[in-house]
Amino acid sequence: MLGLVLAALAAVCLIFAGRSQGETRIVLLVVAAAAMPLRLLCNMLDGMLAVEGGLTTPSGELYNELPDRLADLLILVGAGYAIVALPWGPELGWAAATTALLTAYVRTLGAAAGGSQHFVGPMAKPRRMHVLIAACLLSAVETAMGWQEGWVLVVALILIIAGGTVTMLRRLRRIVADLEAA
């Protein structure tokens, strides 16, 4: 649950970065970039404690998956609102969030149908966050240099959408192969 709080912090920083300029925008982008790996760390520690520490519960999968999906939604949509270069930046954030949610949905649907859970990429959750962390830091540089703001985030979200689409297709292909082989 702490990971979800960190995702909300990143999202709020991104949204306010879209409404800020200069040093304020830079600080907000850097804080958002710092919150994202901490969110991933919380997720990793949660999984390690559950699996390695034998602390799994019947409802544990719900508490593992739902906060991850909400965190993806918050951060990716927030990134869209941080885009100032285009009037359709928010829509780009929503499209990236939709792609991320569908990528996870395909994985869990495959498992529910009797296939294996495939975490293959190229744009699985850690990769999406790595792209956004880099984009936030480069956007801070973009602002510090006086360049037009938001283009790094535009490219990052387009990359996440394209990579997420490829990820979904790869997972679907593996799931179909699993189900057909059974």
N, C-alpha and C. Protein backbone atom coordinates (compact mmCIF):
# COMPACT_ATOMS: atom_id res chain seq x y z
N MET A 1 0.82 -1.20 0.00
CA MET A 1 0.00 0.00 0.00
C MET A 1 0.87 1.27 0.00
N LEU A 2 2.06 1.16 0.58
CA LEU A 2 2.97 2.31 0.56
C LEU A 2 3.36 2.64 -0.88
N GLY A 3 3.52 1.61 -1.72
CA GLY A 3 3.83 1.84 -3.13
C GLY A 3 2.75 2.67 -3.81
N LEU A 4 1.51 2.44 -3.43
CA LEU A 4 0.40 3.21 -3.99
C LEU A 4 0.47 4.67 -3.55
N VAL A 5 0.86 4.89 -2.31
CA VAL A 5 1.03 6.26 -1.81
C VAL A 5 2.14 6.97 -2.58
N LEU A 6 3.24 6.25 -2.84
CA LEU A 6 4.34 6.83 -3.61
C LEU A 6 3.92 7.11 -5.05
N ALA A 7 3.10 6.24 -5.62
CA ALA A 7 2.59 6.48 -6.98
C ALA A 7 1.71 7.72 -7.00
N ALA A 8 0.88 7.90 -5.97
CA ALA A 8 0.04 9.09 -5.89
C ALA A 8 0.89 10.35 -5.75
N LEU A 9 1.97 10.26 -4.98
CA LEU A 9 2.90 11.39 -4.86
C LEU A 9 3.50 11.73 -6.22
N ALA A 10 3.95 10.71 -6.94
CA ALA A 10 4.51 10.94 -8.28
C ALA A 10 3.48 11.58 -9.20
N ALA A 11 2.26 11.09 -9.16
CA ALA A 11 1.20 11.62 -10.01
C ALA A 11 0.90 13.08 -9.69
N VAL A 12 0.79 13.40 -8.41
CA VAL A 12 0.51 14.79 -8.01
C VAL A 12 1.65 15.70 -8.46
N CYS A 13 2.87 15.24 -8.29
CA CYS A 13 4.03 16.04 -8.73
C CYS A 13 4.00 16.26 -10.24
N LEU A 14 3.66 15.21 -10.98
CA LEU A 14 3.60 15.34 -12.44
C LEU A 14 2.50 16.31 -12.87
N ILE A 15 1.34 16.19 -12.26
CA ILE A 15 0.23 17.08 -12.61
C ILE A 15 0.61 18.53 -12.32
N PHE A 16 1.18 18.79 -11.15
CA PHE A 16 1.58 20.16 -10.81
C PHE A 16 2.77 20.63 -11.66
N ALA A 17 3.62 19.70 -12.10
CA ALA A 17 4.72 20.09 -12.99
C ALA A 17 4.17 20.64 -14.30
N GLY A 18 3.04 20.08 -14.74
CA GLY A 18 2.41 20.58 -15.97
C GLY A 18 1.86 21.98 -15.82
N ARG A 19 1.70 22.43 -14.60
CA ARG A 19 1.15 23.77 -14.33
C ARG A 19 2.21 24.71 -13.78
N SER A 20 3.45 24.25 -13.78
CA SER A 20 4.53 25.04 -13.17
C SER A 20 5.60 25.33 -14.21
N GLN A 21 6.48 26.23 -13.82
CA GLN A 21 7.59 26.60 -14.70
C GLN A 21 8.87 26.68 -13.88
N GLY A 22 9.98 26.73 -14.59
CA GLY A 22 11.27 26.97 -13.97
C GLY A 22 11.65 25.97 -12.90
N GLU A 23 12.19 26.50 -11.82
CA GLU A 23 12.70 25.65 -10.73
C GLU A 23 11.62 24.80 -10.10
N THR A 24 10.42 25.32 -10.00
CA THR A 24 9.33 24.55 -9.40
C THR A 24 9.04 23.31 -10.23
N ARG A 25 8.98 23.48 -11.55
CA ARG A 25 8.75 22.35 -12.45
C ARG A 25 9.88 21.33 -12.31
N ILE A 26 11.11 21.79 -12.25
CA ILE A 26 12.27 20.91 -12.13
C ILE A 26 12.17 20.08 -10.84
N VAL A 27 11.89 20.74 -9.72
CA VAL A 27 11.79 20.03 -8.44
C VAL A 27 10.67 19.00 -8.49
N LEU A 28 9.53 19.36 -9.02
CA LEU A 28 8.40 18.43 -9.10
C LEU A 28 8.73 17.21 -9.97
N LEU A 29 9.42 17.42 -11.07
CA LEU A 29 9.80 16.31 -11.95
C LEU A 29 10.81 15.39 -11.26
N VAL A 30 11.74 15.97 -10.52
CA VAL A 30 12.75 15.16 -9.82
C VAL A 30 12.09 14.37 -8.68
N VAL A 31 11.17 14.98 -7.96
CA VAL A 31 10.48 14.25 -6.88
C VAL A 31 9.66 13.11 -7.48
N ALA A 32 8.98 13.37 -8.59
CA ALA A 32 8.22 12.30 -9.26
C ALA A 32 9.16 11.17 -9.67
N ALA A 33 10.31 11.52 -10.23
CA ALA A 33 11.29 10.51 -10.66
C ALA A 33 11.81 9.72 -9.46
N ALA A 34 11.94 10.35 -8.32
CA ALA A 34 12.42 9.65 -7.12
C ALA A 34 11.35 8.74 -6.53
N ALA A 35 10.09 9.13 -6.62
CA ALA A 35 9.00 8.32 -6.05
C ALA A 35 8.78 7.03 -6.83
N MET A 36 9.03 7.04 -8.13
CA MET A 36 8.75 5.86 -8.95
C MET A 36 9.61 4.64 -8.59
N PRO A 37 10.93 4.76 -8.46
CA PRO A 37 11.69 3.57 -8.08
C PRO A 37 11.39 3.12 -6.65
N LEU A 38 11.01 4.06 -5.79
CA LEU A 38 10.61 3.67 -4.43
C LEU A 38 9.33 2.86 -4.48
N ARG A 39 8.44 3.21 -5.39
CA ARG A 39 7.22 2.43 -5.59
C ARG A 39 7.57 1.01 -6.04
N LEU A 40 8.50 0.90 -6.99
CA LEU A 40 8.93 -0.42 -7.47
C LEU A 40 9.59 -1.21 -6.35
N LEU A 41 10.36 -0.54 -5.51
CA LEU A 41 11.01 -1.21 -4.39
C LEU A 41 9.97 -1.77 -3.42
N CYS A 42 8.95 -1.00 -3.13
CA CYS A 42 7.87 -1.49 -2.25
C CYS A 42 7.23 -2.73 -2.85
N ASN A 43 7.00 -2.70 -4.15
CA ASN A 43 6.38 -3.84 -4.82
C ASN A 43 7.28 -5.07 -4.75
N MET A 44 8.56 -4.87 -4.95
CA MET A 44 9.50 -5.98 -4.92
C MET A 44 9.59 -6.56 -3.51
N LEU A 45 9.68 -5.70 -2.50
CA LEU A 45 9.76 -6.17 -1.12
C LEU A 45 8.49 -6.91 -0.71
N ASP A 46 7.35 -6.43 -1.17
CA ASP A 46 6.08 -7.10 -0.88
C ASP A 46 6.08 -8.51 -1.45
N GLY A 47 6.52 -8.65 -2.68
CA GLY A 47 6.58 -9.97 -3.30
C GLY A 47 7.57 -10.88 -2.61
N MET A 48 8.72 -10.34 -2.24
CA MET A 48 9.73 -11.15 -1.56
C MET A 48 9.23 -11.64 -0.21
N LEU A 49 8.58 -10.75 0.54
CA LEU A 49 8.06 -11.15 1.85
C LEU A 49 6.97 -12.22 1.70
N ALA A 50 6.12 -12.04 0.70
CA ALA A 50 5.03 -13.00 0.51
C ALA A 50 5.56 -14.36 0.10
N VAL A 51 6.43 -14.38 -0.90
CA VAL A 51 6.90 -15.66 -1.45
C VAL A 51 8.01 -16.26 -0.60
N GLU A 52 9.08 -15.51 -0.41
CA GLU A 52 10.24 -16.03 0.31
C GLU A 52 9.97 -16.17 1.81
N GLY A 53 9.17 -15.24 2.35
CA GLY A 53 8.91 -15.27 3.79
C GLY A 53 7.73 -16.14 4.17
N GLY A 54 7.08 -16.73 3.17
CA GLY A 54 5.93 -17.58 3.45
C GLY A 54 4.75 -16.83 4.03
N LEU A 55 4.59 -15.58 3.63
CA LEU A 55 3.52 -14.75 4.19
C LEU A 55 2.34 -14.59 3.23
N THR A 56 2.18 -15.50 2.29
CA THR A 56 1.06 -15.39 1.36
C THR A 56 -0.26 -15.63 2.09
N THR A 57 -1.29 -14.99 1.58
CA THR A 57 -2.63 -15.17 2.12
C THR A 57 -3.58 -15.44 0.96
N PRO A 58 -4.77 -15.96 1.24
CA PRO A 58 -5.72 -16.20 0.15
C PRO A 58 -6.08 -14.93 -0.64
N SER A 59 -6.10 -13.79 0.03
CA SER A 59 -6.43 -12.54 -0.67
C SER A 59 -5.19 -11.77 -1.11
N GLY A 60 -4.02 -12.31 -0.89
CA GLY A 60 -2.77 -11.62 -1.19
C GLY A 60 -2.63 -11.19 -2.64
N GLU A 61 -3.09 -12.01 -3.54
CA GLU A 61 -2.98 -11.68 -4.97
C GLU A 61 -3.75 -10.40 -5.30
N LEU A 62 -4.89 -10.22 -4.66
CA LEU A 62 -5.66 -8.99 -4.88
C LEU A 62 -4.87 -7.77 -4.40
N TYR A 63 -4.25 -7.91 -3.22
CA TYR A 63 -3.48 -6.79 -2.67
C TYR A 63 -2.17 -6.59 -3.41
N ASN A 64 -1.76 -7.55 -4.20
CA ASN A 64 -0.58 -7.40 -5.03
C ASN A 64 -0.92 -6.73 -6.35
N GLU A 65 -1.98 -7.17 -6.99
CA GLU A 65 -2.32 -6.69 -8.33
C GLU A 65 -3.03 -5.35 -8.36
N LEU A 66 -4.07 -5.18 -7.56
CA LEU A 66 -4.86 -3.96 -7.64
C LEU A 66 -4.06 -2.69 -7.36
N PRO A 67 -3.24 -2.63 -6.31
CA PRO A 67 -2.44 -1.42 -6.12
C PRO A 67 -1.48 -1.15 -7.28
N ASP A 68 -0.94 -2.22 -7.88
CA ASP A 68 -0.06 -2.04 -9.04
C ASP A 68 -0.80 -1.38 -10.19
N ARG A 69 -2.01 -1.84 -10.44
CA ARG A 69 -2.78 -1.28 -11.56
C ARG A 69 -3.16 0.17 -11.28
N LEU A 70 -3.56 0.45 -10.04
CA LEU A 70 -3.89 1.83 -9.68
C LEU A 70 -2.66 2.72 -9.77
N ALA A 71 -1.51 2.21 -9.35
CA ALA A 71 -0.27 2.98 -9.41
C ALA A 71 0.09 3.30 -10.86
N ASP A 72 -0.01 2.30 -11.75
CA ASP A 72 0.25 2.55 -13.17
C ASP A 72 -0.67 3.65 -13.69
N LEU A 73 -1.93 3.54 -13.37
CA LEU A 73 -2.92 4.51 -13.83
C LEU A 73 -2.56 5.91 -13.34
N LEU A 74 -2.30 6.05 -12.06
CA LEU A 74 -1.97 7.35 -11.50
C LEU A 74 -0.75 7.97 -12.16
N ILE A 75 0.32 7.21 -12.25
CA ILE A 75 1.59 7.76 -12.76
C ILE A 75 1.49 8.09 -14.24
N LEU A 76 0.95 7.18 -15.04
CA LEU A 76 0.91 7.42 -16.49
C LEU A 76 -0.04 8.56 -16.85
N VAL A 77 -1.18 8.62 -16.18
CA VAL A 77 -2.09 9.74 -16.43
C VAL A 77 -1.45 11.04 -15.96
N GLY A 78 -0.80 11.00 -14.80
CA GLY A 78 -0.10 12.18 -14.31
C GLY A 78 0.95 12.67 -15.30
N ALA A 79 1.66 11.73 -15.93
CA ALA A 79 2.66 12.12 -16.93
C ALA A 79 2.02 12.84 -18.11
N GLY A 80 0.84 12.41 -18.48
CA GLY A 80 0.13 13.09 -19.57
C GLY A 80 -0.20 14.53 -19.22
N TYR A 81 -0.58 14.75 -17.97
CA TYR A 81 -0.92 16.11 -17.53
C TYR A 81 0.33 16.97 -17.34
N ALA A 82 1.50 16.36 -17.29
CA ALA A 82 2.75 17.13 -17.18
C ALA A 82 3.21 17.66 -18.54
N ILE A 83 2.58 17.17 -19.60
CA ILE A 83 2.96 17.60 -20.95
C ILE A 83 2.36 18.96 -21.23
N VAL A 84 3.22 19.91 -21.54
CA VAL A 84 2.75 21.25 -21.87
C VAL A 84 2.94 21.57 -23.36
N ALA A 85 3.64 20.72 -24.06
CA ALA A 85 3.95 20.99 -25.47
C ALA A 85 2.76 20.76 -26.39
N LEU A 86 1.83 19.93 -26.00
CA LEU A 86 0.69 19.58 -26.85
C LEU A 86 -0.61 19.70 -26.09
N PRO A 87 -1.67 20.11 -26.77
CA PRO A 87 -2.96 20.18 -26.07
C PRO A 87 -3.54 18.81 -25.72
N TRP A 88 -3.07 17.77 -26.39
CA TRP A 88 -3.59 16.42 -26.13
C TRP A 88 -2.65 15.57 -25.30
N GLY A 89 -1.85 16.21 -24.49
CA GLY A 89 -0.98 15.49 -23.56
C GLY A 89 -1.73 14.60 -22.60
N PRO A 90 -2.81 15.11 -21.96
CA PRO A 90 -3.56 14.24 -21.06
C PRO A 90 -4.10 12.98 -21.75
N GLU A 91 -4.56 13.14 -22.97
CA GLU A 91 -5.07 11.97 -23.70
C GLU A 91 -3.97 10.96 -23.95
N LEU A 92 -2.76 11.44 -24.18
CA LEU A 92 -1.62 10.55 -24.36
C LEU A 92 -1.35 9.78 -23.07
N GLY A 93 -1.44 10.45 -21.93
CA GLY A 93 -1.28 9.78 -20.64
C GLY A 93 -2.34 8.73 -20.41
N TRP A 94 -3.59 9.05 -20.73
CA TRP A 94 -4.68 8.08 -20.58
C TRP A 94 -4.48 6.89 -21.52
N ALA A 95 -3.98 7.14 -22.73
CA ALA A 95 -3.73 6.04 -23.68
C ALA A 95 -2.62 5.12 -23.15
N ALA A 96 -1.58 5.72 -22.58
CA ALA A 96 -0.48 4.91 -22.01
C ALA A 96 -0.99 4.10 -20.82
N ALA A 97 -1.84 4.71 -19.99
CA ALA A 97 -2.39 4.00 -18.84
C ALA A 97 -3.29 2.85 -19.30
N THR A 98 -4.07 3.08 -20.33
CA THR A 98 -4.93 2.02 -20.87
C THR A 98 -4.09 0.87 -21.39
N THR A 99 -3.02 1.19 -22.08
CA THR A 99 -2.13 0.15 -22.60
C THR A 99 -1.52 -0.65 -21.45
N ALA A 100 -1.09 0.03 -20.40
CA ALA A 100 -0.51 -0.66 -19.24
C ALA A 100 -1.53 -1.58 -18.58
N LEU A 101 -2.75 -1.09 -18.42
CA LEU A 101 -3.80 -1.91 -17.81
C LEU A 101 -4.12 -3.12 -18.67
N LEU A 102 -4.19 -2.93 -19.97
CA LEU A 102 -4.48 -4.06 -20.87
C LEU A 102 -3.35 -5.08 -20.89
N THR A 103 -2.13 -4.60 -20.77
CA THR A 103 -0.98 -5.51 -20.73
C THR A 103 -1.08 -6.44 -19.52
N ALA A 104 -1.41 -5.87 -18.37
CA ALA A 104 -1.58 -6.67 -17.15
C ALA A 104 -2.81 -7.56 -17.27
N TYR A 105 -3.86 -7.06 -17.88
CA TYR A 105 -5.09 -7.83 -18.04
C TYR A 105 -4.85 -9.08 -18.88
N VAL A 106 -4.11 -8.93 -19.96
CA VAL A 106 -3.80 -10.07 -20.84
C VAL A 106 -3.05 -11.14 -20.04
N ARG A 107 -2.09 -10.71 -19.23
CA ARG A 107 -1.33 -11.66 -18.41
C ARG A 107 -2.24 -12.42 -17.46
N THR A 108 -3.08 -11.69 -16.73
CA THR A 108 -3.93 -12.35 -15.76
C THR A 108 -5.05 -13.15 -16.41
N LEU A 109 -5.54 -12.70 -17.55
CA LEU A 109 -6.55 -13.46 -18.28
C LEU A 109 -5.97 -14.79 -18.75
N GLY A 110 -4.74 -14.75 -19.23
CA GLY A 110 -4.07 -15.98 -19.65
C GLY A 110 -3.94 -16.97 -18.52
N ALA A 111 -3.59 -16.47 -17.35
CA ALA A 111 -3.46 -17.34 -16.17
C ALA A 111 -4.83 -17.89 -15.77
N ALA A 112 -5.86 -17.05 -15.81
CA ALA A 112 -7.20 -17.49 -15.45
C ALA A 112 -7.73 -18.54 -16.43
N ALA A 113 -7.29 -18.46 -17.68
CA ALA A 113 -7.72 -19.41 -18.69
C ALA A 113 -6.95 -20.73 -18.62
N GLY A 114 -5.97 -20.80 -17.75
CA GLY A 114 -5.22 -22.03 -17.57
C GLY A 114 -3.81 -22.01 -18.14
N GLY A 115 -3.39 -20.87 -18.66
CA GLY A 115 -2.03 -20.74 -19.18
C GLY A 115 -1.09 -20.27 -18.08
N SER A 116 0.14 -20.08 -18.45
CA SER A 116 1.13 -19.56 -17.50
C SER A 116 1.02 -18.04 -17.43
N GLN A 117 1.52 -17.47 -16.35
CA GLN A 117 1.62 -16.01 -16.26
C GLN A 117 2.90 -15.60 -16.98
N HIS A 118 2.75 -14.85 -18.04
CA HIS A 118 3.90 -14.41 -18.83
C HIS A 118 4.17 -12.94 -18.52
N PHE A 119 5.38 -12.69 -18.05
CA PHE A 119 5.78 -11.33 -17.69
C PHE A 119 6.71 -10.73 -18.74
N VAL A 120 6.75 -11.30 -19.94
CA VAL A 120 7.66 -10.84 -20.98
C VAL A 120 7.34 -9.40 -21.37
N GLY A 121 8.33 -8.72 -21.89
CA GLY A 121 8.20 -7.33 -22.30
C GLY A 121 8.02 -7.21 -23.78
N PRO A 122 8.45 -6.13 -24.33
CA PRO A 122 9.50 -5.21 -23.89
C PRO A 122 9.04 -4.12 -22.92
N MET A 123 7.73 -3.98 -22.70
CA MET A 123 7.28 -2.88 -21.87
C MET A 123 6.44 -3.37 -20.69
N ALA A 124 7.03 -4.26 -19.90
CA ALA A 124 6.40 -4.70 -18.66
C ALA A 124 6.54 -3.57 -17.64
N LYS A 125 5.91 -3.73 -16.49
CA LYS A 125 5.86 -2.67 -15.48
C LYS A 125 7.21 -2.04 -15.16
N PRO A 126 8.24 -2.81 -14.86
CA PRO A 126 9.52 -2.15 -14.53
C PRO A 126 10.05 -1.29 -15.67
N ARG A 127 9.91 -1.78 -16.90
CA ARG A 127 10.40 -1.02 -18.05
C ARG A 127 9.62 0.28 -18.22
N ARG A 128 8.29 0.21 -18.03
CA ARG A 128 7.47 1.44 -18.13
C ARG A 128 7.96 2.47 -17.13
N MET A 129 8.21 2.02 -15.91
CA MET A 129 8.66 2.96 -14.88
C MET A 129 10.06 3.48 -15.18
N HIS A 130 10.93 2.62 -15.70
CA HIS A 130 12.29 3.08 -16.05
C HIS A 130 12.22 4.16 -17.13
N VAL A 131 11.38 3.96 -18.12
CA VAL A 131 11.21 4.95 -19.19
C VAL A 131 10.70 6.26 -18.60
N LEU A 132 9.74 6.18 -17.71
CA LEU A 132 9.18 7.41 -17.11
C LEU A 132 10.15 8.10 -16.16
N ILE A 133 10.92 7.32 -15.43
CA ILE A 133 11.93 7.93 -14.54
C ILE A 133 12.92 8.73 -15.39
N ALA A 134 13.42 8.10 -16.45
CA ALA A 134 14.36 8.78 -17.34
C ALA A 134 13.71 10.01 -17.97
N ALA A 135 12.45 9.87 -18.38
CA ALA A 135 11.76 10.99 -19.01
C ALA A 135 11.58 12.16 -18.05
N CYS A 136 11.27 11.86 -16.80
CA CYS A 136 11.12 12.94 -15.81
C CYS A 136 12.44 13.68 -15.60
N LEU A 137 13.52 12.91 -15.48
CA LEU A 137 14.82 13.53 -15.27
C LEU A 137 15.26 14.33 -16.50
N LEU A 138 15.02 13.78 -17.70
CA LEU A 138 15.36 14.51 -18.92
C LEU A 138 14.45 15.72 -19.11
N SER A 139 13.22 15.63 -18.66
CA SER A 139 12.31 16.78 -18.73
C SER A 139 12.79 17.89 -17.80
N ALA A 140 13.36 17.50 -16.67
CA ALA A 140 13.93 18.51 -15.77
C ALA A 140 15.09 19.23 -16.46
N VAL A 141 15.91 18.46 -17.17
CA VAL A 141 17.01 19.06 -17.94
C VAL A 141 16.45 19.95 -19.04
N GLU A 142 15.42 19.46 -19.72
CA GLU A 142 14.75 20.22 -20.78
C GLU A 142 14.31 21.59 -20.24
N THR A 143 13.74 21.61 -19.06
CA THR A 143 13.29 22.86 -18.45
C THR A 143 14.48 23.73 -18.05
N ALA A 144 15.49 23.11 -17.43
CA ALA A 144 16.67 23.86 -16.98
C ALA A 144 17.39 24.52 -18.15
N MET A 145 17.37 23.85 -19.32
CA MET A 145 18.07 24.38 -20.49
C MET A 145 17.24 25.43 -21.24
N GLY A 146 15.99 25.58 -20.84
CA GLY A 146 15.13 26.55 -21.51
C GLY A 146 14.54 26.04 -22.82
N TRP A 147 14.63 24.74 -23.04
CA TRP A 147 14.04 24.17 -24.25
C TRP A 147 12.54 24.07 -24.08
N GLN A 148 11.85 23.85 -25.20
CA GLN A 148 10.40 23.69 -25.10
C GLN A 148 10.08 22.47 -24.23
N GLU A 149 9.23 22.68 -23.26
CA GLU A 149 8.96 21.65 -22.25
C GLU A 149 7.90 20.65 -22.70
N GLY A 150 8.14 19.40 -22.32
CA GLY A 150 7.14 18.36 -22.51
C GLY A 150 7.43 17.35 -23.59
N TRP A 151 8.35 17.65 -24.49
CA TRP A 151 8.58 16.74 -25.61
C TRP A 151 9.20 15.43 -25.18
N VAL A 152 10.02 15.44 -24.16
CA VAL A 152 10.60 14.18 -23.67
C VAL A 152 9.50 13.27 -23.14
N LEU A 153 8.55 13.84 -22.43
CA LEU A 153 7.42 13.05 -21.92
C LEU A 153 6.53 12.55 -23.04
N VAL A 154 6.37 13.35 -24.08
CA VAL A 154 5.59 12.90 -25.26
C VAL A 154 6.23 11.65 -25.84
N VAL A 155 7.53 11.71 -26.07
CA VAL A 155 8.24 10.57 -26.65
C VAL A 155 8.15 9.36 -25.72
N ALA A 156 8.30 9.59 -24.43
CA ALA A 156 8.25 8.48 -23.46
C ALA A 156 6.89 7.81 -23.48
N LEU A 157 5.82 8.58 -23.49
CA LEU A 157 4.48 7.98 -23.49
C LEU A 157 4.19 7.25 -24.79
N ILE A 158 4.65 7.79 -25.89
CA ILE A 158 4.48 7.10 -27.18
C ILE A 158 5.25 5.78 -27.16
N LEU A 159 6.45 5.82 -26.60
CA LEU A 159 7.24 4.59 -26.46
C LEU A 159 6.52 3.56 -25.58
N ILE A 160 5.93 4.01 -24.51
CA ILE A 160 5.20 3.11 -23.60
C ILE A 160 3.98 2.51 -24.30
N ILE A 161 3.29 3.32 -25.08
CA ILE A 161 2.12 2.81 -25.81
C ILE A 161 2.54 1.78 -26.85
N ALA A 162 3.56 2.11 -27.64
CA ALA A 162 4.03 1.18 -28.67
C ALA A 162 4.60 -0.08 -28.04
N GLY A 163 5.45 0.08 -27.04
CA GLY A 163 6.04 -1.08 -26.37
C GLY A 163 4.99 -1.91 -25.65
N GLY A 164 3.99 -1.27 -25.08
CA GLY A 164 2.90 -1.99 -24.43
C GLY A 164 2.09 -2.81 -25.41
N THR A 165 1.88 -2.28 -26.59
CA THR A 165 1.16 -3.02 -27.62
C THR A 165 1.94 -4.25 -28.04
N VAL A 166 3.23 -4.10 -28.23
CA VAL A 166 4.08 -5.25 -28.58
C VAL A 166 4.08 -6.27 -27.44
N THR A 167 4.14 -5.78 -26.20
CA THR A 167 4.13 -6.66 -25.03
C THR A 167 2.84 -7.48 -24.99
N MET A 168 1.71 -6.81 -25.22
CA MET A 168 0.43 -7.53 -25.23
C MET A 168 0.42 -8.63 -26.28
N LEU A 169 0.89 -8.30 -27.47
CA LEU A 169 0.90 -9.28 -28.56
C LEU A 169 1.81 -10.45 -28.25
N ARG A 170 2.98 -10.18 -27.68
CA ARG A 170 3.89 -11.27 -27.30
C ARG A 170 3.28 -12.16 -26.24
N ARG A 171 2.66 -11.55 -25.25
CA ARG A 171 2.03 -12.34 -24.19
C ARG A 171 0.87 -13.16 -24.74
N LEU A 172 0.07 -12.54 -25.58
CA LEU A 172 -1.05 -13.28 -26.18
C LEU A 172 -0.56 -14.49 -26.97
N ARG A 173 0.49 -14.28 -27.74
CA ARG A 173 1.04 -15.40 -28.53
C ARG A 173 1.50 -16.54 -27.63
N ARG A 174 2.17 -16.21 -26.52
CA ARG A 174 2.63 -17.25 -25.60
C ARG A 174 1.47 -17.93 -24.87
N ILE A 175 0.47 -17.14 -24.50
CA ILE A 175 -0.69 -17.71 -23.82
C ILE A 175 -1.43 -18.67 -24.75
N VAL A 176 -1.63 -18.26 -25.99
CA VAL A 176 -2.31 -19.12 -26.96
C VAL A 176 -1.51 -20.42 -27.14
N ALA A 177 -0.19 -20.30 -27.23
CA ALA A 177 0.65 -21.50 -27.37
C ALA A 177 0.49 -22.42 -26.15
N ASP A 178 0.46 -21.83 -24.94
CA ASP A 178 0.26 -22.62 -23.73
C ASP A 178 -1.09 -23.36 -23.77
N LEU A 179 -2.12 -22.63 -24.10
CA LEU A 179 -3.46 -23.20 -24.08
C LEU A 179 -3.65 -24.26 -25.16
N GLU A 180 -3.06 -24.03 -26.31
CA GLU A 180 -3.18 -24.99 -27.42
C GLU A 180 -2.37 -26.25 -27.15
N ALA A 181 -1.27 -26.11 -26.40
CA ALA A 181 -0.41 -27.28 -26.10
C ALA A 181 -1.01 -28.15 -25.00
N ALA A 182 -1.92 -27.58 -24.22
CA ALA A 182 -2.50 -28.34 -23.08
C ALA A 182 -3.49 -29.39 -23.53
